[in-house]
Amino acid sequence: MRRPWLALAAAEEAAAYVADRKPRVGLIGCGWYGKCDLFRLLQVAPVEVVSLCDVDRRMLAEAAEMTAQRQASRKTPRTFADYRLMLAEKDLDLVLIGTPDHWHALPTIAAVQAGADVYVQKPISVDVVEGQAMLAAARKHGRVVQVGTQRRSTPHLAEAREQIVRAGKLGKIGLVEIYCYYHMRTRENPPDATPPGYLDWDFWTGPAPLRPYNPLAHPRSWRAFQEYGNGIVGDMCIHMLDLVRWTLDLGWPKRVSSSGGILVQPGSKANIPDTQTATFEFADFPVVWQHRTWGHPPDPKYPWGATLYGEKGTLKLSVQGYDFTPLGNGQPAHRDVTYELDQYPEDRTEKDLERHVAPAIRRHMTDWLQAVAQRGRPVADIEEGHISTASCILANLSLQLGRTLTWDPERGRVAGDPEANRLLRRPYRKPWMHPDPDRV
């Protein structure tokens, strides 16, 4: 079905760019969200997907077949098992990265070095120095890098930002709570096994520590292990922290503290906390995160979200909608998430698609294309993604070290804490080399 190229009427530059160039697209990481992002891009722009890359041959073949069915040319993309060989072709305008977190930094840096603009999933990195190197590479090579923190492009959340927060209906804000109470931490404890023949487990592991293969790690449950990401803080907190930073125009937190651990669910092979609280101290108020992978949420309507407490009222935000409750005689406001199932009927049948998130991803892709056309900064520019990612990593380091960390954004270091600063760069498994912000 032929549709408008771009979802937003204000994106003339992006439309002209796409019409003139018909950008050539590559995807690195062909699992669940890699395909989700790629297919939303195909819905809003007539790009040509020419290359796909994954270390899972079965997943790669399925993605190639599905892409051929979805793109207008019906051409089957080339397939690669090594992203370096894909990028060596130097024929890609746009690169999407949907790998596990421990594989975000190196492909992003290689893609911008190869002259491509990049859309990389959140969190951008597994350690702080990786993020610094990604930002440095994007700026040095003049590339546009959009981060998959698509709450910034969620229609009802953008409305709440303009019509509630910026309109002054909350008054002075004194506290923000962000939270996730989903029972999303795996409880299983399957035995380690021999990797399946279609998976290159050594390459999948890459720079991370080489654990024995376990079916929890691939596909999709790899977040159960700290070796490949930053747990639920790196997965869910970053979304809500980034939303709050965008909504309230916040930069870096001054101090970060955290506590928690595996307090209720010790029987799983997962090594990430099942309970964690983190406090991000900004100049005027704290932003306090909490997750529990057990028990009930305090508000069943908001199991994952953000609550902004102001002197004039309270605003609750989530992927499903928002609620503004004023103090006194003000007018309450409620909005539900936007669906676009009639405009994009593939959303109804696409396997595992989060249908309520699809409109936000489409707008996020459109915003990225606008920035590419203008050679400007997208709404979730790599620098914003770095701030939100690094803040969450600092929360985990605070939990690990058992103390509050004071961040110096000018130096990109923890103030007065050599031990914490050593942890800003994870060791890389040979032969992979950790990126250096000064040598990208």
Protein backbone atom coordinates (compact mmCIF):
# COMPACT_ATOMS: atom_id res chain seq x y z
CA MET A 1 0.00 0.00 0.00
CA ARG A 2 1.39 3.42 -0.97
CA ARG A 3 1.30 5.99 1.79
CA PRO A 4 2.59 9.51 2.51
CA TRP A 5 6.34 9.41 2.83
CA LEU A 6 6.44 11.11 6.19
CA ALA A 7 4.03 11.15 9.06
CA LEU A 8 4.44 14.85 9.89
CA ALA A 9 3.27 17.58 7.54
CA ALA A 10 6.05 19.90 8.75
CA ALA A 11 8.80 17.63 7.40
CA GLU A 12 9.24 19.13 3.94
CA GLU A 13 13.04 19.02 4.14
CA ALA A 14 12.96 15.36 5.07
CA ALA A 15 10.56 14.58 2.26
CA ALA A 16 12.75 16.39 -0.25
CA TYR A 17 15.83 14.59 1.04
CA VAL A 18 14.18 11.20 0.72
CA ALA A 19 12.74 11.99 -2.70
CA ASP A 20 16.07 13.19 -4.02
CA ARG A 21 18.33 10.56 -2.50
CA LYS A 22 16.17 7.51 -1.79
CA PRO A 23 18.54 6.73 1.06
CA ARG A 24 20.22 3.33 1.20
CA VAL A 25 19.68 1.71 4.56
CA GLY A 26 21.46 -0.96 6.56
CA LEU A 27 20.36 -2.68 9.77
CA ILE A 28 22.76 -4.17 12.31
CA GLY A 29 20.92 -6.47 14.69
CA CYS A 30 17.88 -8.14 13.12
CA GLY A 31 16.02 -9.25 16.23
CA TRP A 32 12.80 -7.97 17.73
CA TYR A 33 13.41 -4.24 17.96
CA GLY A 34 15.78 -4.01 15.04
CA LYS A 35 12.99 -5.15 12.72
CA CYS A 36 10.43 -3.04 14.60
CA ASP A 37 12.47 0.11 13.96
CA LEU A 38 13.28 -0.80 10.37
CA PHE A 39 9.67 -1.48 9.42
CA ARG A 40 8.49 1.80 10.96
CA LEU A 41 11.09 3.60 8.84
CA LEU A 42 9.76 1.84 5.76
CA GLN A 43 6.26 3.02 6.67
CA VAL A 44 7.23 6.70 6.61
CA ALA A 45 9.89 6.94 3.88
CA PRO A 46 10.56 5.14 0.56
CA VAL A 47 14.09 4.15 1.54
CA GLU A 48 15.87 1.16 0.02
CA VAL A 49 17.05 -1.42 2.54
CA VAL A 50 20.18 -2.84 0.92
CA SER A 51 22.02 -4.56 3.79
CA LEU A 52 21.22 -6.54 6.90
CA CYS A 53 23.66 -7.90 9.47
CA ASP A 54 23.31 -10.41 12.29
CA VAL A 55 25.36 -13.18 13.88
CA ASP A 56 22.26 -15.41 14.00
CA ARG A 57 21.89 -16.89 10.50
CA ARG A 58 18.30 -17.96 11.05
CA MET A 59 17.24 -14.55 12.34
CA LEU A 60 19.11 -12.86 9.49
CA ALA A 61 17.40 -14.95 6.81
CA GLU A 62 13.97 -14.29 8.29
CA ALA A 63 14.62 -10.54 8.42
CA ALA A 64 15.78 -10.52 4.78
CA GLU A 65 12.61 -12.28 3.66
CA MET A 66 10.35 -9.98 5.68
CA THR A 67 12.15 -6.86 4.44
CA ALA A 68 11.74 -7.93 0.80
CA GLN A 69 8.01 -8.27 1.42
CA ARG A 70 7.76 -4.87 3.11
CA GLN A 71 9.83 -2.56 0.91
CA ALA A 72 8.46 -1.12 -2.32
CA SER A 73 11.19 -2.57 -4.57
CA ARG A 74 10.61 -6.10 -3.23
CA LYS A 75 14.38 -6.57 -3.41
CA THR A 76 16.03 -8.86 -0.91
CA PRO A 77 18.80 -7.08 0.99
CA ARG A 78 22.34 -8.38 1.06
CA THR A 79 23.17 -10.20 4.29
CA PHE A 80 26.29 -10.06 6.42
CA ALA A 81 27.47 -11.85 9.56
CA ASP A 82 30.07 -9.15 10.33
CA TYR A 83 29.04 -5.49 10.54
CA ARG A 84 32.55 -4.42 9.56
CA LEU A 85 32.19 -6.09 6.16
CA MET A 86 28.79 -4.47 5.67
CA LEU A 87 30.14 -1.00 6.45
CA ALA A 88 33.25 -1.53 4.33
CA GLU A 89 31.00 -1.32 1.26
CA LYS A 90 30.68 2.45 1.99
CA ASP A 91 27.30 2.54 0.24
CA LEU A 92 24.93 3.24 3.16
CA ASP A 93 23.31 6.57 3.91
CA LEU A 94 21.46 5.43 7.01
CA VAL A 95 22.32 2.71 9.53
CA LEU A 96 20.01 1.36 12.22
CA ILE A 97 21.51 -0.47 15.19
CA GLY A 98 19.26 -2.84 17.11
CA THR A 99 21.83 -5.10 18.76
CA PRO A 100 22.06 -5.93 22.47
CA ASP A 101 23.49 -3.05 24.47
CA HIS A 102 27.06 -4.33 24.62
CA TRP A 103 27.18 -4.07 20.82
CA HIS A 104 25.96 -0.46 20.46
CA ALA A 105 29.21 1.48 20.71
CA LEU A 106 31.54 -0.15 18.20
CA PRO A 107 29.04 -0.40 15.29
CA THR A 108 27.82 3.18 15.88
CA ILE A 109 31.35 4.55 15.77
CA ALA A 110 32.21 2.45 12.71
CA ALA A 111 29.04 3.57 10.92
CA VAL A 112 29.68 7.29 11.42
CA GLN A 113 33.30 6.77 10.36
CA ALA A 114 31.93 5.16 7.18
CA GLY A 115 29.86 8.29 6.48
CA ALA A 116 26.42 7.07 7.57
CA ASP A 117 23.85 8.76 9.77
CA VAL A 118 22.75 6.47 12.58
CA TYR A 119 19.69 5.48 14.58
CA VAL A 120 20.88 3.55 17.64
CA GLN A 121 18.74 1.92 20.27
CA LYS A 122 18.92 2.96 23.88
CA PRO A 123 20.83 2.84 26.14
CA ILE A 124 23.61 3.99 23.86
CA SER A 125 26.35 2.18 25.77
CA VAL A 126 27.18 -0.22 28.59
CA ASP A 127 29.79 2.08 30.11
CA VAL A 128 30.25 5.85 30.29
CA VAL A 129 33.43 6.09 28.22
CA GLU A 130 31.77 4.22 25.34
CA GLY A 131 29.11 6.92 25.29
CA GLN A 132 31.71 9.68 25.36
CA ALA A 133 33.44 8.05 22.39
CA MET A 134 30.18 7.71 20.45
CA LEU A 135 29.39 11.39 20.98
CA ALA A 136 32.91 12.40 19.98
CA ALA A 137 32.74 10.28 16.81
CA ALA A 138 29.38 11.73 15.76
CA ARG A 139 30.64 15.29 16.18
CA LYS A 140 34.04 14.68 14.57
CA HIS A 141 32.55 13.07 11.46
CA GLY A 142 29.54 15.38 11.24
CA ARG A 143 26.93 12.65 11.37
CA VAL A 144 23.36 12.78 12.70
CA VAL A 145 22.75 10.19 15.41
CA GLN A 146 19.26 9.65 16.80
CA VAL A 147 18.79 7.54 19.94
CA GLY A 148 15.77 5.28 20.35
CA THR A 149 14.34 7.16 23.34
CA GLN A 150 11.09 7.64 21.47
CA ARG A 151 9.16 9.02 24.44
CA ARG A 152 10.35 12.36 23.03
CA SER A 153 8.27 11.62 19.94
CA THR A 154 5.20 10.14 21.66
CA PRO A 155 2.20 12.32 20.67
CA HIS A 156 0.38 12.42 24.00
CA LEU A 157 3.60 13.02 25.95
CA ALA A 158 4.55 15.89 23.67
CA GLU A 159 1.08 17.31 24.27
CA ALA A 160 1.48 17.06 28.05
CA ARG A 161 4.84 18.81 27.83
CA GLU A 162 3.34 21.76 25.95
CA GLN A 163 -0.16 22.02 27.38
CA ILE A 164 0.48 21.12 31.02
CA VAL A 165 4.13 21.68 31.94
CA ARG A 166 5.11 24.56 29.67
CA ALA A 167 1.72 26.18 30.19
CA GLY A 168 2.60 26.48 33.89
CA LYS A 169 -0.25 24.32 35.17
CA LEU A 170 2.01 22.43 37.59
CA GLY A 171 3.59 25.53 39.07
CA LYS A 172 6.88 24.96 40.89
CA ILE A 173 7.92 21.32 40.76
CA GLY A 174 9.48 19.88 43.91
CA LEU A 175 9.72 16.15 43.21
CA VAL A 176 9.58 13.73 40.30
CA GLU A 177 9.13 9.99 40.70
CA ILE A 178 9.89 7.53 37.92
CA TYR A 179 9.25 3.82 38.25
CA CYS A 180 8.69 0.39 36.75
CA TYR A 181 6.84 -2.44 38.47
CA TYR A 182 6.67 -4.90 35.57
CA HIS A 183 7.51 -8.50 36.47
CA MET A 184 10.10 -8.47 33.71
CA ARG A 185 13.13 -10.01 35.39
CA THR A 186 13.43 -13.63 34.32
CA ARG A 187 12.74 -16.20 37.03
CA GLU A 188 14.02 -19.20 35.09
CA ASN A 189 17.28 -21.00 35.74
CA PRO A 190 17.93 -23.13 32.66
CA PRO A 191 21.24 -24.97 32.37
CA ASP A 192 24.01 -23.70 30.15
CA ALA A 193 24.12 -25.42 26.77
CA THR A 194 25.97 -25.74 23.49
CA PRO A 195 25.24 -22.74 21.25
CA PRO A 196 22.91 -23.59 18.34
CA GLY A 197 24.69 -24.10 15.02
CA TYR A 198 23.08 -21.04 13.44
CA LEU A 199 24.49 -18.67 16.10
CA ASP A 200 28.06 -17.37 16.30
CA TRP A 201 28.17 -17.15 20.08
CA ASP A 202 31.72 -15.82 20.22
CA PHE A 203 30.85 -12.89 17.92
CA TRP A 204 27.52 -12.37 19.70
CA THR A 205 29.51 -11.99 22.95
CA GLY A 206 32.01 -9.67 21.29
CA PRO A 207 33.72 -7.34 23.78
CA ALA A 208 31.69 -8.63 26.74
CA PRO A 209 32.95 -11.35 29.10
CA LEU A 210 32.55 -14.79 27.52
CA ARG A 211 29.91 -16.63 29.52
CA PRO A 212 28.81 -20.14 28.61
CA TYR A 213 25.90 -20.01 26.18
CA ASN A 214 22.52 -20.01 27.90
CA PRO A 215 19.14 -19.91 26.16
CA LEU A 216 18.18 -16.95 28.37
CA ALA A 217 20.76 -14.79 26.64
CA HIS A 218 19.59 -15.20 23.06
CA PRO A 219 17.16 -14.18 21.82
CA ARG A 220 15.72 -11.30 23.83
CA SER A 221 16.42 -12.23 27.45
CA TRP A 222 20.03 -11.05 27.48
CA ARG A 223 19.09 -8.15 29.76
CA ALA A 224 19.02 -10.70 32.59
CA PHE A 225 22.81 -10.44 32.67
CA GLN A 226 24.87 -7.41 33.68
CA GLU A 227 27.56 -8.52 31.23
CA TYR A 228 25.42 -7.40 28.27
CA GLY A 229 23.64 -4.35 29.62
CA ASN A 230 22.70 -2.41 32.73
CA GLY A 231 19.66 -4.29 33.95
CA ILE A 232 16.26 -2.74 34.37
CA VAL A 233 17.75 0.68 35.11
CA GLY A 234 19.49 0.56 31.72
CA ASP A 235 16.35 -0.71 30.01
CA MET A 236 13.39 1.05 31.61
CA CYS A 237 14.71 3.85 33.82
CA ILE A 238 16.52 5.48 30.90
CA HIS A 239 13.22 5.93 29.05
CA MET A 240 11.52 7.69 31.96
CA LEU A 241 14.58 9.66 33.04
CA ASP A 242 15.03 10.85 29.46
CA LEU A 243 11.33 11.75 29.24
CA VAL A 244 11.58 13.82 32.41
CA ARG A 245 14.81 15.51 31.28
CA TRP A 246 13.17 16.44 27.97
CA THR A 247 9.88 17.53 29.53
CA LEU A 248 11.57 19.73 32.14
CA ASP A 249 14.66 20.82 30.15
CA LEU A 250 17.14 19.16 32.51
CA GLY A 251 20.80 18.48 31.81
CA TRP A 252 23.13 16.35 33.92
CA PRO A 253 22.25 15.40 37.49
CA LYS A 254 24.63 16.79 40.10
CA ARG A 255 24.69 13.66 42.22
CA VAL A 256 23.47 10.08 41.78
CA SER A 257 22.84 7.53 44.52
CA SER A 258 21.29 4.08 44.49
CA SER A 259 20.48 1.11 46.70
CA GLY A 260 18.86 -2.28 46.26
CA GLY A 261 19.88 -5.68 44.96
CA ILE A 262 18.51 -9.19 44.50
CA LEU A 263 16.24 -9.12 47.52
CA VAL A 264 13.23 -11.30 46.64
CA GLN A 265 14.07 -13.50 43.62
CA PRO A 266 17.43 -15.18 44.27
CA GLY A 267 16.59 -18.41 42.43
CA SER A 268 17.01 -17.16 38.86
CA LYS A 269 20.17 -17.28 36.78
CA ALA A 270 19.63 -13.53 36.22
CA ASN A 271 22.24 -11.40 38.00
CA ILE A 272 20.49 -8.01 37.80
CA PRO A 273 18.67 -6.42 40.77
CA ASP A 274 15.03 -7.27 41.34
CA THR A 275 14.66 -4.19 43.57
CA GLN A 276 16.40 -0.85 43.11
CA THR A 277 15.95 2.79 44.06
CA ALA A 278 18.04 5.56 42.50
CA THR A 279 18.02 9.28 43.18
CA PHE A 280 19.16 11.72 40.50
CA GLU A 281 19.74 15.10 42.14
CA PHE A 282 19.15 18.05 39.85
CA ALA A 283 19.51 21.71 40.79
CA ASP A 284 15.92 22.31 41.89
CA PHE A 285 14.51 18.89 42.80
CA PRO A 286 15.32 15.17 42.89
CA VAL A 287 14.15 12.61 40.35
CA VAL A 288 13.67 9.31 42.19
CA TRP A 289 13.55 5.96 40.39
CA GLN A 290 12.19 2.71 41.77
CA HIS A 291 11.75 -0.71 40.25
CA ARG A 292 10.42 -3.93 41.68
CA THR A 293 10.01 -7.07 39.61
CA TRP A 294 7.63 -8.46 42.20
CA GLY A 295 4.49 -7.31 44.02
CA HIS A 296 1.83 -4.84 42.91
CA PRO A 297 2.31 -1.34 41.47
CA PRO A 298 1.02 1.47 43.71
CA ASP A 299 -1.20 2.64 40.83
CA PRO A 300 -2.31 -0.18 38.49
CA LYS A 301 -2.91 2.40 35.71
CA TYR A 302 0.73 3.46 35.89
CA PRO A 303 2.95 0.40 36.30
CA TRP A 304 5.71 2.14 34.29
CA GLY A 305 5.81 5.89 34.16
CA ALA A 306 6.68 9.25 35.68
CA THR A 307 4.86 11.41 38.22
CA LEU A 308 5.62 15.13 38.39
CA TYR A 309 4.56 16.80 41.66
CA GLY A 310 3.96 20.54 41.43
CA GLU A 311 2.56 23.13 43.80
CA LYS A 312 -0.50 23.48 41.55
CA GLY A 313 -1.11 19.85 40.68
CA THR A 314 0.22 16.43 39.73
CA LEU A 315 0.97 15.03 36.28
CA LYS A 316 1.28 11.30 35.60
CA LEU A 317 2.87 10.20 32.34
CA SER A 318 3.14 6.78 30.73
CA VAL A 319 3.28 5.15 27.32
CA GLN A 320 -0.46 4.56 27.61
CA GLY A 321 -1.55 8.13 28.37
CA TYR A 322 -1.38 10.95 30.88
CA ASP A 323 -3.45 12.36 33.74
CA PHE A 324 -3.23 15.87 35.14
CA THR A 325 -4.89 16.41 38.53
CA PRO A 326 -4.96 20.06 39.63
CA LEU A 327 -5.17 21.25 43.18
CA GLY A 328 -8.29 23.27 43.92
CA ASN A 329 -10.80 24.03 41.19
CA GLY A 330 -8.62 23.61 38.10
CA GLN A 331 -9.60 21.51 35.12
CA PRO A 332 -8.30 17.90 35.12
CA ALA A 333 -6.94 16.55 31.86
CA HIS A 334 -6.60 13.03 30.50
CA ARG A 335 -5.28 11.68 27.22
CA ASP A 336 -4.91 8.13 25.92
CA VAL A 337 -2.19 6.85 23.67
CA THR A 338 -2.59 7.39 19.92
CA TYR A 339 -3.00 4.32 17.71
CA GLU A 340 -2.71 4.45 13.91
CA LEU A 341 -4.00 1.02 12.96
CA ASP A 342 -6.18 2.24 10.09
CA GLN A 343 -3.39 4.29 8.51
CA TYR A 344 -0.85 1.49 8.97
CA PRO A 345 -2.71 -1.84 8.88
CA GLU A 346 0.55 -3.82 9.12
CA ASP A 347 0.57 -2.75 12.77
CA ARG A 348 -2.39 -5.05 13.38
CA THR A 349 -0.60 -8.21 12.31
CA GLU A 350 3.13 -7.63 12.83
CA LYS A 351 4.46 -10.18 15.28
CA ASP A 352 5.45 -8.83 18.72
CA LEU A 353 4.93 -5.20 17.71
CA GLU A 354 4.09 -2.88 20.60
CA ARG A 355 1.20 -1.27 18.74
CA HIS A 356 0.89 1.64 21.14
CA VAL A 357 4.55 2.53 20.54
CA ALA A 358 4.50 2.35 16.73
CA PRO A 359 3.27 5.95 16.20
CA ALA A 360 6.07 7.26 18.41
CA ILE A 361 8.70 5.30 16.49
CA ARG A 362 7.36 6.63 13.18
CA ARG A 363 7.60 10.21 14.45
CA HIS A 364 11.05 9.50 15.82
CA MET A 365 12.15 8.25 12.40
CA THR A 366 10.63 11.30 10.74
CA ASP A 367 12.43 13.61 13.15
CA TRP A 368 15.70 11.79 12.38
CA LEU A 369 15.18 12.22 8.64
CA GLN A 370 14.45 15.92 9.11
CA ALA A 371 17.69 16.34 11.03
CA VAL A 372 19.58 14.40 8.37
CA ALA A 373 18.15 16.66 5.66
CA GLN A 374 19.02 19.82 7.60
CA ARG A 375 22.31 18.45 9.00
CA GLY A 376 20.96 19.41 12.41
CA ARG A 377 20.32 17.79 15.76
CA PRO A 378 17.40 15.39 16.18
CA VAL A 379 15.13 15.45 19.21
CA ALA A 380 17.01 12.53 20.79
CA ASP A 381 20.47 13.58 19.67
CA ILE A 382 23.40 11.37 20.71
CA GLU A 383 24.41 13.89 23.38
CA GLU A 384 20.99 13.68 25.04
CA GLY A 385 21.13 9.89 24.80
CA HIS A 386 24.58 9.94 26.38
CA ILE A 387 23.42 12.04 29.33
CA SER A 388 20.45 9.80 30.05
CA THR A 389 22.46 6.60 29.54
CA ALA A 390 25.45 7.68 31.62
CA SER A 391 23.18 8.85 34.45
CA CYS A 392 21.65 5.37 34.64
CA ILE A 393 25.09 3.74 34.54
CA LEU A 394 26.16 5.99 37.41
CA ALA A 395 23.15 4.76 39.39
CA ASN A 396 24.33 1.18 38.96
CA LEU A 397 27.88 2.15 39.90
CA SER A 398 26.54 3.87 43.03
CA LEU A 399 24.75 0.65 43.95
CA GLN A 400 27.92 -1.34 43.33
CA LEU A 401 30.13 1.00 45.36
CA GLY A 402 27.64 1.78 48.10
CA ARG A 403 28.02 5.57 47.96
CA THR A 404 26.73 8.71 46.28
CA LEU A 405 28.57 9.83 43.15
CA THR A 406 29.07 13.51 42.31
CA TRP A 407 29.31 14.06 38.56
CA ASP A 408 31.54 16.63 36.89
CA PRO A 409 30.07 17.10 33.37
CA GLU A 410 32.90 19.36 32.23
CA ARG A 411 35.54 16.73 32.89
CA GLY A 412 33.28 13.75 32.25
CA ARG A 413 34.31 12.15 35.53
CA VAL A 414 33.12 11.46 39.06
CA ALA A 415 34.47 14.18 41.33
CA GLY A 416 37.02 13.00 43.87
CA ASP A 417 36.48 9.26 43.38
CA PRO A 418 39.30 7.44 41.56
CA GLU A 419 37.70 4.02 42.14
CA ALA A 420 34.43 5.10 40.53
CA ASN A 421 36.30 6.66 37.61
CA ARG A 422 38.10 3.37 36.93
CA LEU A 423 34.66 1.78 36.54
CA LEU A 424 33.57 4.26 33.86
CA ARG A 425 35.34 2.03 31.31
CA ARG A 426 34.54 -1.68 31.32
CA PRO A 427 37.29 -4.11 30.35
CA TYR A 428 36.94 -5.37 26.78
CA ARG A 429 37.53 -8.99 25.82
CA LYS A 430 40.34 -9.41 23.34
CA PRO A 431 40.76 -8.84 20.44
CA TRP A 432 38.13 -6.07 20.71
CA MET A 433 39.49 -2.64 21.63
CA HIS A 434 37.58 -0.23 23.84
CA PRO A 435 36.86 3.03 21.95
CA ASP A 436 38.72 6.13 23.07
CA PRO A 437 36.95 9.52 22.81
CA ASP A 438 40.22 11.08 21.62
CA ARG A 439 40.80 8.54 18.84
CA VAL A 440 37.56 8.15 16.93
